[in-house]
Protein backbone atom coordinates (compact mmCIF):
# COMPACT_ATOMS: atom_id res chain seq x y z
CA MET A 1 -15.22 4.53 5.92
CA ALA A 2 -14.11 8.19 6.05
CA ALA A 3 -13.61 9.80 2.97
CA MET A 4 -10.06 9.48 1.84
CA GLY A 5 -8.93 9.34 -1.59
CA VAL A 6 -6.49 10.79 -4.35
CA ARG A 7 -6.88 12.72 -7.58
CA LEU A 8 -7.21 10.25 -10.39
CA SER A 9 -6.78 11.40 -13.77
CA SER A 10 -8.76 10.74 -16.96
CA ALA A 11 -6.35 8.18 -18.18
CA SER A 12 -6.81 4.60 -18.28
CA SER A 13 -4.09 2.31 -16.18
CA THR A 14 -2.48 -1.27 -17.95
CA PRO A 15 -1.46 -3.98 -16.55
CA LYS A 16 2.22 -2.89 -16.98
CA ASP A 17 1.37 -0.32 -14.67
CA ASN A 18 1.72 -2.53 -11.69
CA ARG A 19 5.76 -2.79 -11.52
CA LEU A 20 5.23 -6.52 -10.54
CA LEU A 21 3.51 -7.45 -13.52
CA ALA A 22 5.82 -4.79 -15.79
CA ALA A 23 8.80 -6.75 -14.36
CA LEU A 24 7.75 -10.28 -15.46
CA PRO A 25 9.42 -11.83 -18.44
CA GLU A 26 7.17 -11.07 -21.57
CA GLY A 27 5.99 -14.97 -22.32
CA THR A 28 5.03 -15.07 -18.86
CA TYR A 29 3.36 -11.48 -18.83
CA ASP A 30 1.17 -12.86 -22.28
CA ALA A 31 0.13 -15.92 -20.14
CA LEU A 32 -1.58 -14.46 -17.91
CA LEU A 33 -2.61 -11.05 -19.72
CA PRO A 34 -5.89 -12.47 -21.26
CA SER A 35 -6.96 -14.05 -17.02
CA LEU A 36 -5.91 -10.15 -15.58
CA GLU A 37 -9.66 -8.50 -15.29
CA PRO A 38 -9.61 -4.74 -15.11
CA LEU A 39 -11.19 -3.27 -11.75
CA ALA A 40 -12.25 -0.12 -10.52
CA MET A 41 -10.83 0.20 -6.87
CA PRO A 42 -13.10 3.01 -4.93
CA LEU A 43 -12.34 4.53 -2.25
CA GLY A 44 -13.45 2.51 0.82
CA LEU A 45 -13.54 -1.05 -1.15
CA SER A 46 -12.71 -3.96 0.85
CA VAL A 47 -10.62 -6.19 -0.99
CA TYR A 48 -10.90 -9.04 1.37
CA GLU A 49 -12.39 -9.54 4.88
CA SER A 50 -10.52 -11.11 8.37
CA GLY A 51 -10.98 -14.69 8.00
CA GLY A 52 -13.03 -14.68 4.49
CA ALA A 53 -12.54 -16.39 1.46
CA GLN A 54 -9.73 -14.50 -1.13
CA GLY A 55 -11.25 -15.71 -4.49
CA TYR A 56 -8.61 -13.37 -6.46
CA VAL A 57 -5.45 -11.60 -6.04
CA TYR A 58 -5.27 -7.77 -6.80
CA PHE A 59 -2.60 -5.95 -8.64
CA PRO A 60 -3.00 -1.80 -8.18
CA THR A 61 -2.10 0.32 -10.85
CA THR A 62 -2.95 3.70 -9.38
CA ALA A 63 -4.72 2.76 -6.28
CA ILE A 64 -3.66 2.29 -2.39
CA VAL A 65 -4.62 -0.68 -0.58
CA SER A 66 -3.84 -1.09 3.28
CA LEU A 67 -3.56 -3.88 5.58
CA LEU A 68 -5.11 -3.04 8.71
CA TYR A 69 -5.86 -5.68 11.83
CA VAL A 70 -9.44 -5.09 13.29
CA LEU A 71 -9.28 -5.85 16.92
CA ALA A 72 -12.81 -6.80 18.57
CA ASP A 73 -14.10 -3.46 19.64
CA GLY A 74 -13.31 -2.06 16.47
CA ALA A 75 -10.61 0.12 16.53
CA SER A 76 -8.02 -0.69 14.02
CA ALA A 77 -4.19 -0.08 12.97
CA GLU A 78 -2.47 -0.27 9.73
CA ILE A 79 0.19 -2.95 9.48
CA ALA A 80 1.15 -2.49 5.57
CA VAL A 81 0.27 -0.43 2.64
CA THR A 82 0.26 -1.67 -1.09
CA GLY A 83 0.13 0.02 -4.47
CA ASN A 84 1.53 -0.14 -7.72
CA GLU A 85 4.76 -2.05 -6.38
CA GLY A 86 2.78 -5.40 -5.54
CA LEU A 87 -0.11 -7.22 -5.07
CA VAL A 88 -2.55 -7.73 -2.08
CA GLY A 89 -3.57 -11.46 -1.57
CA ILE A 90 -0.41 -13.39 -0.64
CA ALA A 91 -2.19 -16.01 1.44
CA LEU A 92 -3.54 -17.04 -1.81
CA PHE A 93 0.26 -18.61 -2.87
CA MET A 94 1.65 -18.52 0.18
CA GLY A 95 -0.46 -22.13 1.81
CA GLY A 96 -2.75 -20.05 3.91
CA GLU A 97 -5.61 -19.37 1.88
CA THR A 98 -6.97 -16.85 4.37
CA THR A 99 -5.48 -13.61 6.87
CA PRO A 100 -6.13 -12.15 9.95
CA SER A 101 -6.16 -8.52 8.28
CA ARG A 102 -8.36 -6.80 6.32
CA ALA A 103 -7.48 -5.05 3.33
CA VAL A 104 -9.92 -1.68 1.96
CA VAL A 105 -8.61 0.68 -0.50
CA GLN A 106 -7.40 3.63 1.40
CA SER A 107 -6.64 5.68 -1.75
CA ALA A 108 -9.04 5.06 -4.76
CA GLY A 109 -7.80 4.21 -8.43
CA GLN A 110 -7.72 1.34 -10.75
CA GLY A 111 -5.91 -2.10 -10.88
CA TYR A 112 -6.30 -5.51 -12.02
CA ARG A 113 -7.12 -8.88 -10.52
CA LEU A 114 -6.58 -12.58 -11.49
CA ARG A 115 -8.68 -15.54 -10.18
CA ALA A 116 -7.28 -17.49 -7.43
CA SER A 117 -6.86 -20.83 -9.53
CA ALA A 118 -4.93 -18.91 -12.13
CA LEU A 119 -2.48 -17.15 -9.85
CA LYS A 120 -1.82 -20.85 -7.90
CA LYS A 121 -0.99 -22.54 -11.28
CA ALA A 122 1.11 -19.93 -12.64
CA PHE A 123 3.14 -20.03 -9.18
CA GLU A 124 3.62 -23.35 -8.78
CA SER A 125 4.78 -23.40 -12.10
CA GLY A 126 8.14 -21.61 -10.50
CA GLY A 127 9.89 -19.43 -12.85
CA GLU A 128 10.20 -15.56 -12.39
CA LEU A 129 6.56 -15.29 -11.44
CA GLN A 130 7.37 -17.23 -7.81
CA HIS A 131 10.62 -15.94 -7.98
CA LEU A 132 9.43 -11.88 -7.64
CA LEU A 133 6.05 -13.06 -5.87
CA LEU A 134 8.57 -14.23 -3.05
CA ARG A 135 10.35 -11.77 -2.99
CA PHE A 136 7.58 -8.64 -2.71
CA THR A 137 6.23 -10.87 0.06
CA GLN A 138 9.94 -10.34 1.88
CA ALA A 139 9.94 -6.98 1.43
CA LEU A 140 6.16 -6.87 2.54
CA ILE A 141 7.13 -9.02 5.83
CA THR A 142 9.86 -5.67 6.46
CA GLN A 143 7.21 -3.09 5.90
CA MET A 144 5.03 -4.71 8.46
CA THR A 145 8.00 -5.40 11.18
CA GLN A 146 9.17 -1.91 11.02
CA THR A 147 5.67 -0.79 11.24
CA ALA A 148 5.27 -2.64 14.53
CA VAL A 149 8.52 -1.25 15.33
CA CYS A 150 7.66 2.37 14.22
CA ASN A 151 4.53 2.46 16.31
CA ARG A 152 6.07 1.10 19.53
CA HIS A 153 9.34 3.63 19.78
CA HIS A 154 8.59 6.79 17.62
CA ALA A 155 6.64 10.13 17.79
CA VAL A 156 3.49 10.63 15.81
CA ASP A 157 4.73 13.05 13.51
CA GLN A 158 7.33 10.55 12.72
CA GLN A 159 5.06 7.95 12.03
CA LEU A 160 2.46 10.39 9.95
CA CYS A 161 6.14 11.28 8.18
CA ARG A 162 6.59 7.65 7.12
CA TRP A 163 3.31 6.96 6.24
CA LEU A 164 3.26 10.18 4.01
CA LEU A 165 6.34 9.06 1.94
CA LEU A 166 5.46 5.37 1.76
CA SER A 167 2.07 6.61 0.07
CA LEU A 168 3.76 9.39 -2.64
CA ASP A 169 6.35 6.62 -3.46
CA ARG A 170 2.81 4.87 -5.25
CA LEU A 171 1.41 7.59 -6.95
CA PRO A 172 2.20 10.02 -9.31
CA GLY A 173 1.87 13.53 -7.64
CA SER A 174 2.50 15.28 -4.22
CA GLU A 175 -1.13 15.81 -2.97
CA LEU A 176 -3.09 12.92 -1.00
CA VAL A 177 -6.76 14.07 -0.11
CA MET A 178 -7.83 12.46 3.28
CA THR A 179 -9.01 13.19 6.90
CA GLN A 180 -7.36 13.75 9.99
CA GLU A 181 -9.63 10.52 11.28
CA MET A 182 -8.63 8.50 8.50
CA ILE A 183 -4.88 8.78 9.42
CA ALA A 184 -5.66 8.36 12.89
CA ASN A 185 -7.50 5.05 12.07
CA MET A 186 -4.51 3.89 9.70
CA LEU A 187 -1.66 5.23 12.76
CA GLY A 188 -3.32 3.57 15.65
CA VAL A 189 -3.21 6.75 17.51
CA ARG A 190 -6.02 9.62 18.44
CA ARG A 191 -7.05 12.29 16.00
CA GLU A 192 -5.89 15.05 18.49
CA GLY A 193 -2.07 13.23 17.80
CA VAL A 194 -2.61 13.57 13.63
CA THR A 195 -3.62 17.18 14.37
CA GLU A 196 -1.15 18.10 16.60
CA ALA A 197 1.99 16.19 14.21
CA ALA A 198 0.39 17.72 11.10
CA GLY A 199 0.49 21.34 12.85
CA LYS A 200 3.92 20.73 13.45
CA LEU A 201 5.05 19.50 10.00
CA GLN A 202 3.29 22.56 8.48
CA ALA A 203 4.90 25.16 10.83
CA GLU A 204 7.88 23.50 9.58
CA GLY A 205 7.21 24.30 5.72
CA LEU A 206 7.26 20.16 5.09
CA ILE A 207 3.39 20.05 3.94
CA HIS A 208 0.58 22.23 3.65
CA TYR A 209 -2.90 20.91 5.05
CA SER A 210 -6.20 22.28 4.26
CA ARG A 211 -9.89 21.09 4.94
CA GLY A 212 -8.53 17.41 3.85
CA HIS A 213 -5.85 18.12 1.63
CA ILE A 214 -1.98 17.39 2.40
CA THR A 215 0.45 18.89 -0.63
CA VAL A 216 4.04 17.69 0.38
CA LEU A 217 6.42 21.46 -0.06
CA ASP A 218 9.51 19.67 0.56
CA ARG A 219 10.03 15.94 0.43
CA PRO A 220 14.16 16.15 0.69
CA ARG A 221 12.97 17.93 4.43
CA LEU A 222 10.39 15.26 4.89
CA GLU A 223 12.66 12.42 4.71
CA ALA A 224 15.16 14.28 6.61
CA ARG A 225 12.74 14.02 9.15
CA VAL A 226 11.61 11.27 9.12
CA CYS A 227 12.82 8.34 11.59
CA GLU A 228 14.77 5.39 10.25
CA CYS A 229 11.51 3.24 9.42
CA TYR A 230 11.02 4.83 6.08
CA ARG A 231 14.44 4.07 4.66
CA VAL A 232 14.78 0.72 6.28
CA VAL A 233 11.67 -0.09 4.31
CA LYS A 234 12.30 1.53 1.24
CA THR A 235 15.67 -0.22 0.65
CA GLU A 236 14.71 -3.51 1.23
CA TYR A 237 11.75 -2.70 -1.82
CA ASP A 238 14.53 -1.51 -4.22
CA ARG A 239 17.00 -5.05 -3.02
CA LEU A 240 14.28 -7.75 -3.48
CA LEU A 241 12.61 -5.51 -6.60
CA PRO A 242 15.24 -4.25 -8.96
CA ALA A 243 13.48 -5.35 -11.69
CA ALA A 244 10.12 -3.42 -10.48
CA HIS A 245 12.10 0.05 -9.99
């Protein structure tokens, strides 16, 4: 896995740094708290593999996880990202148990995990936890759908804008540390296309890129530059998860 991550603060996270967990009613949160295990999520960690058994659901706090589809020849493309707004492992409560996608940490950080049995029990009891997880799932499906549309119809520089903004929404700062090779793998495009797209955004004064470090210099202009796909996804997350923002 190519080197990519974010600079982390030394402060430890708490479960409520995950917005889904923070949005739970106090009683539901208190019931889950003893079962939530803190977890370091280093760059490149495979949270689950395609078709593999999923023993846990993961709630990132400062990490970002990429959901990837990997082809038979080893090529991959990102279908969604999840950070502190959600969870990784929806198959566990949707009844599928496994999924053809792969989940890999794209930005190092921290999170919490919950055993599958504990999550299923809490989900099947209904209430706000079930409602939140289903709304998150609908938002995630929207992101996957919009990613497919974006990759088919929009230029690489617009795809890069969308990817940067979605990542920044899940991070506290304005800097990401990543290789062009990793970005190309995420977007499912050639590295040369990413080089050209990043150069174009830098020439416009939107980002500064140097030795794998991308700093967003002008977020409002980056949002004006991005295709409609970013706004569609963000609006749906805000609409479906109002208590989590």
